């Protein structure tokens, strides 16, 4: 059913909030389902080499940490590139980072892309089969700031296959308008339901193939929120 409906940025926030407050589904469970569901999609598409996950500092990064953990569980080589200090992580993202630190997944930290350039990230991502965009989520709008802007440009220039979690970083999920720095994904795993901006012509060359990932939210809640907009 989620495939039949689309949500705005605000409705996506409401969906998470109501799932937590009204249905009693912890945010950690929603994040776990999002990350594990994305790994399911990656395995269906085929993983022929290392997976590199680019993580910001919000819940999108938390999804990335879960993705890394489940890739390791399933025997896939992976690496997390963290673009902000761990001290800036909060809530469920911080919890999942603390869990990830106890695993054997390599975590590369660099917060000064403008000064150091991208040689360090080239070394960290050498030989990657997939690069995962877990930098900015549906809440982001406008031009991405550094270091994310430079890393988006770097990601777009790589030969590896590219997958965006929920929405390609730099793409406005409401309007479908791309920023000057926007990830061009081969695949997008959007969470719970499509986003209204995804139907816009301006969004098409950035989304790639879109897959809706079930995160455990009742379909009736998605329908209710989407219906409130159209009704």
C-alpha atoms as a PDB file:
ATOM      1  CA  UNK A   1       0.000   0.000   0.000  1.00  0.00           C
ATOM      2  CA  UNK A   2       2.750   2.607   0.674  1.00  0.00           C
ATOM      3  CA  UNK A   3       3.620   2.460  -3.046  1.00  0.00           C
ATOM      4  CA  UNK A   4       0.196   3.964  -3.825  1.00  0.00           C
ATOM      5  CA  UNK A   5       0.724   7.108  -1.747  1.00  0.00           C
ATOM      6  CA  UNK A   6       3.221   9.921  -1.476  1.00  0.00           C
ATOM      7  CA  UNK A   7       4.123  12.144   1.441  1.00  0.00           C
ATOM      8  CA  UNK A   8       5.453  15.647   1.906  1.00  0.00           C
ATOM      9  CA  UNK A   9       8.397  16.540   4.125  1.00  0.00           C
ATOM     10  CA  UNK A  10       6.071  17.488   6.981  1.00  0.00           C
ATOM     11  CA  UNK A  11       3.960  14.353   6.551  1.00  0.00           C
ATOM     12  CA  UNK A  12       7.112  12.236   6.712  1.00  0.00           C
ATOM     13  CA  UNK A  13       7.895  13.880  10.071  1.00  0.00           C
ATOM     14  CA  UNK A  14       4.339  13.251  11.243  1.00  0.00           C
ATOM     15  CA  UNK A  15       4.558   9.628  10.151  1.00  0.00           C
ATOM     16  CA  UNK A  16       7.597   8.990  12.341  1.00  0.00           C
ATOM     17  CA  UNK A  17       6.169  10.948  15.245  1.00  0.00           C
ATOM     18  CA  UNK A  18       2.797   9.219  15.182  1.00  0.00           C
ATOM     19  CA  UNK A  19       4.332   5.776  14.711  1.00  0.00           C
ATOM     20  CA  UNK A  20       6.347   6.431  17.874  1.00  0.00           C
ATOM     21  CA  UNK A  21       3.715   8.237  19.971  1.00  0.00           C
ATOM     22  CA  UNK A  22       0.485   6.524  18.917  1.00  0.00           C
ATOM     23  CA  UNK A  23       1.621   3.042  17.904  1.00  0.00           C
ATOM     24  CA  UNK A  24       4.482   2.693  20.360  1.00  0.00           C
ATOM     25  CA  UNK A  25       7.054   1.807  17.701  1.00  0.00           C
ATOM     26  CA  UNK A  26      10.420   3.050  19.002  1.00  0.00           C
ATOM     27  CA  UNK A  27      12.427   5.272  16.683  1.00  0.00           C
ATOM     28  CA  UNK A  28      15.275   2.778  16.926  1.00  0.00           C
ATOM     29  CA  UNK A  29      13.004   0.099  15.469  1.00  0.00           C
ATOM     30  CA  UNK A  30      12.031   2.351  12.554  1.00  0.00           C
ATOM     31  CA  UNK A  31      15.712   3.084  11.887  1.00  0.00           C
ATOM     32  CA  UNK A  32      16.638  -0.584  12.164  1.00  0.00           C
ATOM     33  CA  UNK A  33      13.936  -1.531   9.655  1.00  0.00           C
ATOM     34  CA  UNK A  34      15.074   1.224   7.282  1.00  0.00           C
ATOM     35  CA  UNK A  35      18.696   0.105   7.321  1.00  0.00           C
ATOM     36  CA  UNK A  36      17.983  -3.598   7.094  1.00  0.00           C
ATOM     37  CA  UNK A  37      15.450  -3.025   4.296  1.00  0.00           C
ATOM     38  CA  UNK A  38      18.031  -1.070   2.323  1.00  0.00           C
ATOM     39  CA  UNK A  39      20.509  -3.933   2.649  1.00  0.00           C
ATOM     40  CA  UNK A  40      17.792  -6.287   1.358  1.00  0.00           C
ATOM     41  CA  UNK A  41      17.522  -4.079  -1.736  1.00  0.00           C
ATOM     42  CA  UNK A  42      21.306  -3.960  -2.179  1.00  0.00           C
ATOM     43  CA  UNK A  43      21.510  -7.739  -2.068  1.00  0.00           C
ATOM     44  CA  UNK A  44      18.739  -8.082  -4.634  1.00  0.00           C
ATOM     45  CA  UNK A  45      20.631  -5.699  -6.914  1.00  0.00           C
ATOM     46  CA  UNK A  46      23.865  -7.598  -6.294  1.00  0.00           C
ATOM     47  CA  UNK A  47      26.940  -6.687  -4.250  1.00  0.00           C
ATOM     48  CA  UNK A  48      30.144  -7.545  -6.083  1.00  0.00           C
ATOM     49  CA  UNK A  49      32.630  -5.605  -3.963  1.00  0.00           C
ATOM     50  CA  UNK A  50      33.052  -3.231  -1.037  1.00  0.00           C
ATOM     51  CA  UNK A  51      30.258  -0.858  -0.031  1.00  0.00           C
ATOM     52  CA  UNK A  52      31.139   2.661   1.134  1.00  0.00           C
ATOM     53  CA  UNK A  53      28.550   4.565   3.183  1.00  0.00           C
ATOM     54  CA  UNK A  54      28.762   8.360   3.345  1.00  0.00           C
ATOM     55  CA  UNK A  55      27.156   9.569   6.577  1.00  0.00           C
ATOM     56  CA  UNK A  56      26.112  13.021   7.728  1.00  0.00           C
ATOM     57  CA  UNK A  57      24.864  13.621  11.272  1.00  0.00           C
ATOM     58  CA  UNK A  58      21.062  13.262  11.278  1.00  0.00           C
ATOM     59  CA  UNK A  59      18.719  10.288  11.172  1.00  0.00           C
ATOM     60  CA  UNK A  60      19.790   9.625   7.581  1.00  0.00           C
ATOM     61  CA  UNK A  61      23.276   8.946   8.951  1.00  0.00           C
ATOM     62  CA  UNK A  62      21.700   6.659  11.558  1.00  0.00           C
ATOM     63  CA  UNK A  63      20.173   4.648   8.729  1.00  0.00           C
ATOM     64  CA  UNK A  64      23.663   4.462   7.228  1.00  0.00           C
ATOM     65  CA  UNK A  65      25.127   3.075  10.444  1.00  0.00           C
ATOM     66  CA  UNK A  66      22.471   0.349  10.500  1.00  0.00           C
ATOM     67  CA  UNK A  67      23.182  -0.439   6.844  1.00  0.00           C
ATOM     68  CA  UNK A  68      26.881  -0.888   7.649  1.00  0.00           C
ATOM     69  CA  UNK A  69      26.150  -3.203  10.565  1.00  0.00           C
ATOM     70  CA  UNK A  70      23.836  -5.426   8.528  1.00  0.00           C
ATOM     71  CA  UNK A  71      26.263  -5.548   5.614  1.00  0.00           C
ATOM     72  CA  UNK A  72      28.918  -6.835   8.002  1.00  0.00           C
ATOM     73  CA  UNK A  73      26.466  -9.354   9.485  1.00  0.00           C
ATOM     74  CA  UNK A  74      25.805 -10.696   5.994  1.00  0.00           C
ATOM     75  CA  UNK A  75      29.481 -10.944   5.129  1.00  0.00           C
ATOM     76  CA  UNK A  76      29.876  -7.927   2.848  1.00  0.00           C
ATOM     77  CA  UNK A  77      32.929  -5.688   3.100  1.00  0.00           C
ATOM     78  CA  UNK A  78      31.903  -2.150   3.958  1.00  0.00           C
ATOM     79  CA  UNK A  79      33.257   1.095   5.312  1.00  0.00           C
ATOM     80  CA  UNK A  80      31.630   4.177   6.862  1.00  0.00           C
ATOM     81  CA  UNK A  81      32.903   7.647   6.019  1.00  0.00           C
ATOM     82  CA  UNK A  82      31.732  10.058   8.705  1.00  0.00           C
ATOM     83  CA  UNK A  83      31.604  13.683   7.610  1.00  0.00           C
ATOM     84  CA  UNK A  84      30.960  15.279  11.013  1.00  0.00           C
ATOM     85  CA  UNK A  85      32.392  14.728  14.495  1.00  0.00           C
ATOM     86  CA  UNK A  86      30.613  11.952  16.434  1.00  0.00           C
ATOM     87  CA  UNK A  87      29.870  14.521  19.153  1.00  0.00           C
ATOM     88  CA  UNK A  88      27.358  16.131  16.777  1.00  0.00           C
ATOM     89  CA  UNK A  89      25.308  12.941  16.504  1.00  0.00           C
ATOM     90  CA  UNK A  90      22.176  12.838  18.644  1.00  0.00           C
ATOM     91  CA  UNK A  91      19.282  10.526  19.486  1.00  0.00           C
ATOM     92  CA  UNK A  92      18.880   7.277  17.570  1.00  0.00           C
ATOM     93  CA  UNK A  93      21.728   8.135  15.192  1.00  0.00           C
ATOM     94  CA  UNK A  94      24.119   8.494  18.131  1.00  0.00           C
ATOM     95  CA  UNK A  95      22.890   5.194  19.575  1.00  0.00           C
ATOM     96  CA  UNK A  96      23.506   3.347  16.325  1.00  0.00           C
ATOM     97  CA  UNK A  97      26.932   4.924  15.932  1.00  0.00           C
ATOM     98  CA  UNK A  98      27.857   3.714  19.427  1.00  0.00           C
ATOM     99  CA  UNK A  99      26.779   0.201  18.404  1.00  0.00           C
ATOM    100  CA  UNK A 100      28.724   0.423  15.137  1.00  0.00           C
ATOM    101  CA  UNK A 101      31.897   1.413  16.971  1.00  0.00           C
ATOM    102  CA  UNK A 102      31.827  -1.974  18.708  1.00  0.00           C
ATOM    103  CA  UNK A 103      31.823  -3.853  15.395  1.00  0.00           C
ATOM    104  CA  UNK A 104      34.665  -4.460  12.953  1.00  0.00           C
ATOM    105  CA  UNK A 105      33.324  -2.018  10.369  1.00  0.00           C
ATOM    106  CA  UNK A 106      36.041   0.550   9.528  1.00  0.00           C
ATOM    107  CA  UNK A 107      35.011   4.140  10.258  1.00  0.00           C
ATOM    108  CA  UNK A 108      36.888   6.891   8.453  1.00  0.00           C
ATOM    109  CA  UNK A 109      36.480  10.375   9.909  1.00  0.00           C
ATOM    110  CA  UNK A 110      37.293  13.597   8.094  1.00  0.00           C
ATOM    111  CA  UNK A 111      35.664  16.930   8.776  1.00  0.00           C
ATOM    112  CA  UNK A 112      37.854  19.279   6.739  1.00  0.00           C
ATOM    113  CA  UNK A 113      37.194  18.373   3.111  1.00  0.00           C
ATOM    114  CA  UNK A 114      37.748  21.920   1.854  1.00  0.00           C
ATOM    115  CA  UNK A 115      41.291  22.047   3.260  1.00  0.00           C
ATOM    116  CA  UNK A 116      42.381  18.478   2.612  1.00  0.00           C
ATOM    117  CA  UNK A 117      40.604  17.962  -0.711  1.00  0.00           C
ATOM    118  CA  UNK A 118      39.268  14.563  -1.718  1.00  0.00           C
ATOM    119  CA  UNK A 119      42.455  12.476  -1.953  1.00  0.00           C
ATOM    120  CA  UNK A 120      41.675  10.972   1.438  1.00  0.00           C
ATOM    121  CA  UNK A 121      38.197   9.918   0.350  1.00  0.00           C
ATOM    122  CA  UNK A 122      39.567   8.476  -2.896  1.00  0.00           C
ATOM    123  CA  UNK A 123      41.819   6.242  -0.825  1.00  0.00           C
ATOM    124  CA  UNK A 124      39.027   5.298   1.568  1.00  0.00           C
ATOM    125  CA  UNK A 125      36.615   4.402  -1.241  1.00  0.00           C
ATOM    126  CA  UNK A 126      39.078   2.716  -3.592  1.00  0.00           C
ATOM    127  CA  UNK A 127      37.496  -0.284  -5.315  1.00  0.00           C
ATOM    128  CA  UNK A 128      33.964   0.372  -4.060  1.00  0.00           C
ATOM    129  CA  UNK A 129      31.163  -1.431  -5.862  1.00  0.00           C
ATOM    130  CA  UNK A 130      28.482   0.713  -4.210  1.00  0.00           C
ATOM    131  CA  UNK A 131      28.534   4.169  -2.639  1.00  0.00           C
ATOM    132  CA  UNK A 132      25.630   4.857  -0.307  1.00  0.00           C
ATOM    133  CA  UNK A 133      24.319   8.376   0.240  1.00  0.00           C
ATOM    134  CA  UNK A 134      23.262   8.655   3.895  1.00  0.00           C
ATOM    135  CA  UNK A 135      24.141  12.338   4.171  1.00  0.00           C
ATOM    136  CA  UNK A 136      20.922  14.384   4.069  1.00  0.00           C
ATOM    137  CA  UNK A 137      17.336  13.223   4.578  1.00  0.00           C
ATOM    138  CA  UNK A 138      13.881  14.584   3.773  1.00  0.00           C
ATOM    139  CA  UNK A 139      14.282  17.456   6.239  1.00  0.00           C
ATOM    140  CA  UNK A 140      17.035  19.106   4.214  1.00  0.00           C
ATOM    141  CA  UNK A 141      16.299  21.934   1.805  1.00  0.00           C
ATOM    142  CA  UNK A 142      18.337  24.483  -0.108  1.00  0.00           C
ATOM    143  CA  UNK A 143      21.997  24.198  -0.995  1.00  0.00           C
ATOM    144  CA  UNK A 144      23.990  21.573   0.943  1.00  0.00           C
ATOM    145  CA  UNK A 145      26.727  23.030   3.085  1.00  0.00           C
ATOM    146  CA  UNK A 146      30.317  21.889   3.314  1.00  0.00           C
ATOM    147  CA  UNK A 147      31.661  19.307   3.676  1.00  0.00           C
ATOM    148  CA  UNK A 148      28.616  17.650   2.125  1.00  0.00           C
ATOM    149  CA  UNK A 149      28.555  19.791  -1.032  1.00  0.00           C
ATOM    150  CA  UNK A 150      32.103  18.753  -2.009  1.00  0.00           C
ATOM    151  CA  UNK A 151      31.461  15.111  -1.134  1.00  0.00           C
ATOM    152  CA  UNK A 152      28.309  15.071  -3.300  1.00  0.00           C
ATOM    153  CA  UNK A 153      30.369  16.296  -6.272  1.00  0.00           C
ATOM    154  CA  UNK A 154      33.003  13.675  -5.519  1.00  0.00           C
ATOM    155  CA  UNK A 155      30.381  10.918  -5.272  1.00  0.00           C
ATOM    156  CA  UNK A 156      28.815  11.853  -8.610  1.00  0.00           C
ATOM    157  CA  UNK A 157      32.207  11.541 -10.316  1.00  0.00           C
ATOM    158  CA  UNK A 158      32.841   7.978  -9.116  1.00  0.00           C
ATOM    159  CA  UNK A 159      32.365   4.864 -11.302  1.00  0.00           C
ATOM    160  CA  UNK A 160      30.731   2.897  -8.460  1.00  0.00           C
ATOM    161  CA  UNK A 161      26.999   2.297  -8.385  1.00  0.00           C
ATOM    162  CA  UNK A 162      25.184   4.832  -6.217  1.00  0.00           C
ATOM    163  CA  UNK A 163      22.228   4.385  -3.888  1.00  0.00           C
ATOM    164  CA  UNK A 164      20.488   7.148  -1.936  1.00  0.00           C
ATOM    165  CA  UNK A 165      18.726   6.480   1.358  1.00  0.00           C
ATOM    166  CA  UNK A 166      15.241   8.067   1.450  1.00  0.00           C
ATOM    167  CA  UNK A 167      16.114  10.954  -0.905  1.00  0.00           C
ATOM    168  CA  UNK A 168      19.230  11.902  -2.877  1.00  0.00           C
ATOM    169  CA  UNK A 169      21.132  14.531  -0.883  1.00  0.00           C
ATOM    170  CA  UNK A 170      20.461  17.954  -2.382  1.00  0.00           C
ATOM    171  CA  UNK A 171      17.061  17.056  -3.866  1.00  0.00           C
ATOM    172  CA  UNK A 172      14.071  18.819  -2.312  1.00  0.00           C
ATOM    173  CA  UNK A 173      11.585  16.044  -1.540  1.00  0.00           C
ATOM    174  CA  UNK A 174       8.600  18.428  -1.771  1.00  0.00           C
ATOM    175  CA  UNK A 175       9.375  20.341  -4.961  1.00  0.00           C
ATOM    176  CA  UNK A 176      11.576  17.816  -6.746  1.00  0.00           C
ATOM    177  CA  UNK A 177      14.047  20.623  -7.443  1.00  0.00           C
ATOM    178  CA  UNK A 178      17.772  19.760  -7.245  1.00  0.00           C
ATOM    179  CA  UNK A 179      20.352  21.983  -5.596  1.00  0.00           C
ATOM    180  CA  UNK A 180      23.555  22.836  -7.449  1.00  0.00           C
ATOM    181  CA  UNK A 181      25.143  19.952  -5.525  1.00  0.00           C
ATOM    182  CA  UNK A 182      22.768  16.956  -5.701  1.00  0.00           C
ATOM    183  CA  UNK A 183      23.537  13.247  -5.677  1.00  0.00           C
ATOM    184  CA  UNK A 184      22.744  11.483  -8.951  1.00  0.00           C
ATOM    185  CA  UNK A 185      21.669   8.096  -7.673  1.00  0.00           C
ATOM    186  CA  UNK A 186      21.262   4.925  -9.679  1.00  0.00           C
ATOM    187  CA  UNK A 187      18.768   3.732  -7.080  1.00  0.00           C
ATOM    188  CA  UNK A 188      16.852   5.412  -4.258  1.00  0.00           C
ATOM    189  CA  UNK A 189      15.485   3.470  -1.284  1.00  0.00           C
ATOM    190  CA  UNK A 190      12.805   5.809  -0.019  1.00  0.00           C
ATOM    191  CA  UNK A 191      11.341   5.013   3.384  1.00  0.00           C
ATOM    192  CA  UNK A 192       7.707   4.106   4.090  1.00  0.00           C
ATOM    193  CA  UNK A 193       6.234   5.902   1.051  1.00  0.00           C
ATOM    194  CA  UNK A 194       7.110   7.861  -2.074  1.00  0.00           C
ATOM    195  CA  UNK A 195       7.751  11.583  -1.687  1.00  0.00           C
ATOM    196  CA  UNK A 196       5.612  14.118  -3.555  1.00  0.00           C
ATOM    197  CA  UNK A 197       8.560  15.706  -5.351  1.00  0.00           C
ATOM    198  CA  UNK A 198       9.616  12.427  -6.923  1.00  0.00           C
ATOM    199  CA  UNK A 199       7.033  12.750  -9.703  1.00  0.00           C
ATOM    200  CA  UNK A 200       8.521  16.026 -10.945  1.00  0.00           C
ATOM    201  CA  UNK A 201      10.487  15.969 -14.186  1.00  0.00           C
ATOM    202  CA  UNK A 202      13.319  17.873 -12.487  1.00  0.00           C
ATOM    203  CA  UNK A 203      13.844  14.983 -10.049  1.00  0.00           C
ATOM    204  CA  UNK A 204      14.024  12.104 -12.486  1.00  0.00           C
ATOM    205  CA  UNK A 205      17.706  12.223 -13.410  1.00  0.00           C
ATOM    206  CA  UNK A 206      18.717  12.227  -9.730  1.00  0.00           C
ATOM    207  CA  UNK A 207      16.503   9.444  -8.336  1.00  0.00           C
ATOM    208  CA  UNK A 208      17.354   6.514 -10.558  1.00  0.00           C
ATOM    209  CA  UNK A 209      15.104   3.535  -9.839  1.00  0.00           C
ATOM    210  CA  UNK A 210      13.000   4.183  -6.731  1.00  0.00           C
ATOM    211  CA  UNK A 211      12.229   1.394  -4.278  1.00  0.00           C
ATOM    212  CA  UNK A 212       9.882   1.986  -1.326  1.00  0.00           C
ATOM    213  CA  UNK A 213      11.292   0.317   1.797  1.00  0.00           C
ATOM    214  CA  UNK A 214       8.899  -0.882   4.473  1.00  0.00           C
ATOM    215  CA  UNK A 215       9.950   0.399   7.896  1.00  0.00           C
ATOM    216  CA  UNK A 216       7.185  -1.250   9.908  1.00  0.00           C
ATOM    217  CA  UNK A 217       4.678   1.605   9.870  1.00  0.00           C
ATOM    218  CA  UNK A 218       1.017   0.549   9.469  1.00  0.00           C
ATOM    219  CA  UNK A 219      -0.153   1.221   5.894  1.00  0.00           C
ATOM    220  CA  UNK A 220      -3.344   2.774   7.275  1.00  0.00           C
ATOM    221  CA  UNK A 221      -1.271   5.562   8.821  1.00  0.00           C
ATOM    222  CA  UNK A 222       0.462   6.300   5.513  1.00  0.00           C
ATOM    223  CA  UNK A 223      -2.911   6.336   3.770  1.00  0.00           C
ATOM    224  CA  UNK A 224      -4.404   8.609   6.426  1.00  0.00           C
ATOM    225  CA  UNK A 225      -1.615  11.162   6.135  1.00  0.00           C
ATOM    226  CA  UNK A 226      -1.582  11.140   2.326  1.00  0.00           C
ATOM    227  CA  UNK A 227      -5.367  11.339   2.240  1.00  0.00           C
ATOM    228  CA  UNK A 228      -5.357  14.354   4.552  1.00  0.00           C
ATOM    229  CA  UNK A 229      -3.351  16.226   1.919  1.00  0.00           C
ATOM    230  CA  UNK A 230      -5.501  15.230  -1.035  1.00  0.00           C
ATOM    231  CA  UNK A 231      -8.824  15.383   0.770  1.00  0.00           C
END
